[in-house]
């Protein structure tokens, strides 16, 4: 089972569904926005009808899932809007199976531009703070991968993390 947090218009959900559509897996999505739920529901109407995709309104601080539910969790351009990052990271860890993997993606160049232009009034896109939050929340095997644009500046960052096995 796969969970996308902050699924927006459903781009990531569509890609996840393509990977599980012929198997036994299921894709779940949670977003705090009613507008995004409506957009993604419209985009994924057939996948939802097939029972392979389930979407819900919800807050990452209080996920409506049981412990040890998900094999994979992913979120993109999301963590920096969490009002309580440690609480959210712990909540995600709670719903992860012991051998699960969480992937965080961030369009670093895009976020820096938006922030530089004065549009990001809320949120903290500090990747070092996020990495420390993951450690404090009980994740291990944390790996950061920076992808550079034309070899010059970091354009995208991916962070891979698994729950501690203790």
C-alpha atoms as a PDB file:
ATOM      1  CA  UNK A   1       0.000   0.000   0.000  1.00  0.00           C
ATOM      2  CA  UNK A   2       1.161   3.470  -0.933  1.00  0.00           C
ATOM      3  CA  UNK A   3       0.207   6.851   0.559  1.00  0.00           C
ATOM      4  CA  UNK A   4       0.702  10.264  -0.983  1.00  0.00           C
ATOM      5  CA  UNK A   5       0.449  13.174   1.446  1.00  0.00           C
ATOM      6  CA  UNK A   6      -0.638  16.477  -0.083  1.00  0.00           C
ATOM      7  CA  UNK A   7      -1.629  14.996  -3.444  1.00  0.00           C
ATOM      8  CA  UNK A   8      -2.669  18.287  -5.071  1.00  0.00           C
ATOM      9  CA  UNK A   9      -4.202  17.785  -8.531  1.00  0.00           C
ATOM     10  CA  UNK A  10      -3.262  14.084  -8.579  1.00  0.00           C
ATOM     11  CA  UNK A  11      -0.083  13.925 -10.665  1.00  0.00           C
ATOM     12  CA  UNK A  12       1.815  11.751  -8.162  1.00  0.00           C
ATOM     13  CA  UNK A  13      -1.231   9.562  -7.547  1.00  0.00           C
ATOM     14  CA  UNK A  14      -1.487   8.897 -11.270  1.00  0.00           C
ATOM     15  CA  UNK A  15       2.151   7.802 -11.426  1.00  0.00           C
ATOM     16  CA  UNK A  16       1.769   5.599  -8.341  1.00  0.00           C
ATOM     17  CA  UNK A  17      -1.359   3.991  -9.785  1.00  0.00           C
ATOM     18  CA  UNK A  18       0.504   3.148 -13.017  1.00  0.00           C
ATOM     19  CA  UNK A  19       2.956   1.111 -10.933  1.00  0.00           C
ATOM     20  CA  UNK A  20       0.323  -0.899  -9.018  1.00  0.00           C
ATOM     21  CA  UNK A  21      -2.582  -1.095 -11.463  1.00  0.00           C
ATOM     22  CA  UNK A  22      -1.967  -4.704 -12.508  1.00  0.00           C
ATOM     23  CA  UNK A  23      -1.123  -5.983  -9.037  1.00  0.00           C
ATOM     24  CA  UNK A  24      -2.714  -6.221  -5.630  1.00  0.00           C
ATOM     25  CA  UNK A  25      -1.551  -2.827  -4.388  1.00  0.00           C
ATOM     26  CA  UNK A  26      -3.635   0.199  -3.563  1.00  0.00           C
ATOM     27  CA  UNK A  27      -2.863   3.898  -3.570  1.00  0.00           C
ATOM     28  CA  UNK A  28      -4.193   6.242  -0.915  1.00  0.00           C
ATOM     29  CA  UNK A  29      -4.044  10.003  -0.928  1.00  0.00           C
ATOM     30  CA  UNK A  30      -4.702  12.587   1.730  1.00  0.00           C
ATOM     31  CA  UNK A  31      -4.850  16.343   1.249  1.00  0.00           C
ATOM     32  CA  UNK A  32      -6.086  19.190   3.388  1.00  0.00           C
ATOM     33  CA  UNK A  33      -7.696  21.027   0.446  1.00  0.00           C
ATOM     34  CA  UNK A  34     -11.241  20.371  -0.738  1.00  0.00           C
ATOM     35  CA  UNK A  35     -10.373  21.956  -4.105  1.00  0.00           C
ATOM     36  CA  UNK A  36      -7.470  19.518  -4.596  1.00  0.00           C
ATOM     37  CA  UNK A  37      -9.673  16.590  -3.582  1.00  0.00           C
ATOM     38  CA  UNK A  38     -12.211  17.592  -6.232  1.00  0.00           C
ATOM     39  CA  UNK A  39      -9.520  18.084  -8.888  1.00  0.00           C
ATOM     40  CA  UNK A  40      -7.798  14.762  -8.200  1.00  0.00           C
ATOM     41  CA  UNK A  41     -11.123  12.913  -7.917  1.00  0.00           C
ATOM     42  CA  UNK A  42     -12.104  14.158 -11.361  1.00  0.00           C
ATOM     43  CA  UNK A  43      -8.701  13.266 -12.823  1.00  0.00           C
ATOM     44  CA  UNK A  44      -8.678   9.766 -11.270  1.00  0.00           C
ATOM     45  CA  UNK A  45     -12.353   8.896 -11.631  1.00  0.00           C
ATOM     46  CA  UNK A  46     -11.742   5.509 -13.321  1.00  0.00           C
ATOM     47  CA  UNK A  47      -8.953   4.523 -10.921  1.00  0.00           C
ATOM     48  CA  UNK A  48     -11.143   5.360  -7.921  1.00  0.00           C
ATOM     49  CA  UNK A  49     -14.046   3.373  -9.419  1.00  0.00           C
ATOM     50  CA  UNK A  50     -11.718   0.369  -9.816  1.00  0.00           C
ATOM     51  CA  UNK A  51     -11.023   0.411  -6.062  1.00  0.00           C
ATOM     52  CA  UNK A  52      -7.269   0.861  -6.593  1.00  0.00           C
ATOM     53  CA  UNK A  53      -7.208   4.546  -5.535  1.00  0.00           C
ATOM     54  CA  UNK A  54      -8.733   6.070  -2.403  1.00  0.00           C
ATOM     55  CA  UNK A  55      -8.673   9.805  -1.671  1.00  0.00           C
ATOM     56  CA  UNK A  56      -9.614  11.690   1.464  1.00  0.00           C
ATOM     57  CA  UNK A  57      -9.522  15.087   3.082  1.00  0.00           C
ATOM     58  CA  UNK A  58      -7.254  14.992   6.072  1.00  0.00           C
ATOM     59  CA  UNK A  59      -4.410  16.452   8.044  1.00  0.00           C
ATOM     60  CA  UNK A  60      -0.983  14.842   8.199  1.00  0.00           C
ATOM     61  CA  UNK A  61      -0.967  15.535  11.954  1.00  0.00           C
ATOM     62  CA  UNK A  62      -3.888  13.112  12.450  1.00  0.00           C
ATOM     63  CA  UNK A  63      -3.885  10.451   9.745  1.00  0.00           C
ATOM     64  CA  UNK A  64      -7.011   8.280   9.567  1.00  0.00           C
ATOM     65  CA  UNK A  65      -5.034   5.056   9.146  1.00  0.00           C
ATOM     66  CA  UNK A  66      -3.991   2.257  11.474  1.00  0.00           C
ATOM     67  CA  UNK A  67      -0.399   1.690  12.559  1.00  0.00           C
ATOM     68  CA  UNK A  68       1.875  -0.255  10.191  1.00  0.00           C
ATOM     69  CA  UNK A  69      -0.354   0.238   7.150  1.00  0.00           C
ATOM     70  CA  UNK A  70       1.889   1.552   4.366  1.00  0.00           C
ATOM     71  CA  UNK A  71       4.830   0.088   2.470  1.00  0.00           C
ATOM     72  CA  UNK A  72       5.624   3.420   0.812  1.00  0.00           C
ATOM     73  CA  UNK A  73       4.790   7.048   1.577  1.00  0.00           C
ATOM     74  CA  UNK A  74       5.667  10.009  -0.575  1.00  0.00           C
ATOM     75  CA  UNK A  75       5.097  13.730  -0.578  1.00  0.00           C
ATOM     76  CA  UNK A  76       6.363  16.515  -2.809  1.00  0.00           C
ATOM     77  CA  UNK A  77       6.682  20.218  -1.976  1.00  0.00           C
ATOM     78  CA  UNK A  78       4.733  19.601   1.185  1.00  0.00           C
ATOM     79  CA  UNK A  79       6.722  19.302   4.436  1.00  0.00           C
ATOM     80  CA  UNK A  80       7.511  22.986   4.694  1.00  0.00           C
ATOM     81  CA  UNK A  81       3.835  23.823   5.201  1.00  0.00           C
ATOM     82  CA  UNK A  82       3.453  21.542   8.224  1.00  0.00           C
ATOM     83  CA  UNK A  83       2.793  23.695  11.283  1.00  0.00           C
ATOM     84  CA  UNK A  84       4.260  21.017  13.577  1.00  0.00           C
ATOM     85  CA  UNK A  85       6.870  19.103  11.534  1.00  0.00           C
ATOM     86  CA  UNK A  86       7.901  16.750  14.363  1.00  0.00           C
ATOM     87  CA  UNK A  87       4.294  15.741  15.063  1.00  0.00           C
ATOM     88  CA  UNK A  88       3.710  15.140  11.348  1.00  0.00           C
ATOM     89  CA  UNK A  89       6.899  13.116  10.897  1.00  0.00           C
ATOM     90  CA  UNK A  90       5.982  10.944  13.902  1.00  0.00           C
ATOM     91  CA  UNK A  91       2.470  10.453  12.573  1.00  0.00           C
ATOM     92  CA  UNK A  92       3.799   9.335   9.192  1.00  0.00           C
ATOM     93  CA  UNK A  93       6.194   6.955  10.932  1.00  0.00           C
ATOM     94  CA  UNK A  94       3.265   5.538  12.918  1.00  0.00           C
ATOM     95  CA  UNK A  95       1.438   4.432   9.756  1.00  0.00           C
ATOM     96  CA  UNK A  96       4.574   3.009   8.086  1.00  0.00           C
ATOM     97  CA  UNK A  97       5.383  -0.684   8.180  1.00  0.00           C
ATOM     98  CA  UNK A  98       8.784  -1.492   9.769  1.00  0.00           C
ATOM     99  CA  UNK A  99      10.444  -2.033   6.370  1.00  0.00           C
ATOM    100  CA  UNK A 100       8.666   0.905   4.695  1.00  0.00           C
ATOM    101  CA  UNK A 101      10.249   3.771   2.826  1.00  0.00           C
ATOM    102  CA  UNK A 102       9.219   7.416   2.744  1.00  0.00           C
ATOM    103  CA  UNK A 103      10.315   9.640  -0.116  1.00  0.00           C
ATOM    104  CA  UNK A 104      10.237  13.407   0.184  1.00  0.00           C
ATOM    105  CA  UNK A 105      10.620  15.496  -2.940  1.00  0.00           C
ATOM    106  CA  UNK A 106      11.216  19.227  -3.150  1.00  0.00           C
ATOM    107  CA  UNK A 107      11.627  21.499  -6.139  1.00  0.00           C
ATOM    108  CA  UNK A 108      14.371  23.521  -4.489  1.00  0.00           C
ATOM    109  CA  UNK A 109      14.839  25.981  -7.353  1.00  0.00           C
ATOM    110  CA  UNK A 110      11.100  26.606  -7.602  1.00  0.00           C
ATOM    111  CA  UNK A 111      10.685  27.112  -3.866  1.00  0.00           C
ATOM    112  CA  UNK A 112      13.661  29.486  -3.740  1.00  0.00           C
ATOM    113  CA  UNK A 113      12.207  31.517  -6.603  1.00  0.00           C
ATOM    114  CA  UNK A 114       8.758  31.726  -5.030  1.00  0.00           C
ATOM    115  CA  UNK A 115      10.264  32.659  -1.677  1.00  0.00           C
ATOM    116  CA  UNK A 116      12.601  35.224  -3.293  1.00  0.00           C
ATOM    117  CA  UNK A 117       9.648  36.770  -5.123  1.00  0.00           C
ATOM    118  CA  UNK A 118       7.867  37.198  -1.773  1.00  0.00           C
ATOM    119  CA  UNK A 119       5.055  34.726  -2.417  1.00  0.00           C
ATOM    120  CA  UNK A 120       5.914  32.213   0.278  1.00  0.00           C
ATOM    121  CA  UNK A 121       4.692  33.930   3.391  1.00  0.00           C
ATOM    122  CA  UNK A 122       4.102  30.664   5.239  1.00  0.00           C
ATOM    123  CA  UNK A 123       6.187  27.574   5.547  1.00  0.00           C
ATOM    124  CA  UNK A 124       9.780  26.709   6.320  1.00  0.00           C
ATOM    125  CA  UNK A 125      11.602  25.058   3.391  1.00  0.00           C
ATOM    126  CA  UNK A 126      14.776  24.487   5.430  1.00  0.00           C
ATOM    127  CA  UNK A 127      15.989  21.039   4.366  1.00  0.00           C
ATOM    128  CA  UNK A 128      18.494  20.745   7.227  1.00  0.00           C
ATOM    129  CA  UNK A 129      15.699  21.378   9.723  1.00  0.00           C
ATOM    130  CA  UNK A 130      13.596  18.711   7.988  1.00  0.00           C
ATOM    131  CA  UNK A 131      16.445  16.178   8.135  1.00  0.00           C
ATOM    132  CA  UNK A 132      16.880  16.846  11.863  1.00  0.00           C
ATOM    133  CA  UNK A 133      13.129  16.485  12.324  1.00  0.00           C
ATOM    134  CA  UNK A 134      13.208  13.057  10.680  1.00  0.00           C
ATOM    135  CA  UNK A 135      16.034  11.947  12.981  1.00  0.00           C
ATOM    136  CA  UNK A 136      14.157  13.223  16.039  1.00  0.00           C
ATOM    137  CA  UNK A 137      10.992  11.437  14.899  1.00  0.00           C
ATOM    138  CA  UNK A 138      12.750   8.065  14.780  1.00  0.00           C
ATOM    139  CA  UNK A 139      13.737   7.597  11.165  1.00  0.00           C
ATOM    140  CA  UNK A 140      16.970   5.949  10.121  1.00  0.00           C
ATOM    141  CA  UNK A 141      18.781   5.301   6.896  1.00  0.00           C
ATOM    142  CA  UNK A 142      18.101   8.884   5.864  1.00  0.00           C
ATOM    143  CA  UNK A 143      19.610   9.683   2.487  1.00  0.00           C
ATOM    144  CA  UNK A 144      19.571  13.058   0.747  1.00  0.00           C
ATOM    145  CA  UNK A 145      19.974  13.239  -3.032  1.00  0.00           C
ATOM    146  CA  UNK A 146      20.474  16.651  -4.637  1.00  0.00           C
ATOM    147  CA  UNK A 147      19.926  16.940  -8.380  1.00  0.00           C
ATOM    148  CA  UNK A 148      21.698  19.883  -9.950  1.00  0.00           C
ATOM    149  CA  UNK A 149      20.439  21.968 -12.840  1.00  0.00           C
ATOM    150  CA  UNK A 150      23.034  22.097 -15.596  1.00  0.00           C
ATOM    151  CA  UNK A 151      25.593  21.065 -12.985  1.00  0.00           C
ATOM    152  CA  UNK A 152      25.396  24.431 -11.199  1.00  0.00           C
ATOM    153  CA  UNK A 153      22.645  24.746  -8.639  1.00  0.00           C
ATOM    154  CA  UNK A 154      20.458  22.278  -6.809  1.00  0.00           C
ATOM    155  CA  UNK A 155      17.163  22.073  -8.644  1.00  0.00           C
ATOM    156  CA  UNK A 156      15.515  19.156  -6.843  1.00  0.00           C
ATOM    157  CA  UNK A 157      16.136  17.298  -3.629  1.00  0.00           C
ATOM    158  CA  UNK A 158      14.892  13.859  -2.678  1.00  0.00           C
ATOM    159  CA  UNK A 159      15.094  12.479   0.843  1.00  0.00           C
ATOM    160  CA  UNK A 160      14.650   8.782   1.495  1.00  0.00           C
ATOM    161  CA  UNK A 161      13.897   7.658   5.052  1.00  0.00           C
ATOM    162  CA  UNK A 162      12.863   4.468   6.817  1.00  0.00           C
ATOM    163  CA  UNK A 163      11.529   4.052  10.353  1.00  0.00           C
ATOM    164  CA  UNK A 164      13.968   2.817  12.971  1.00  0.00           C
ATOM    165  CA  UNK A 165      13.554  -0.867  13.490  1.00  0.00           C
ATOM    166  CA  UNK A 166      13.675  -0.531  17.281  1.00  0.00           C
END
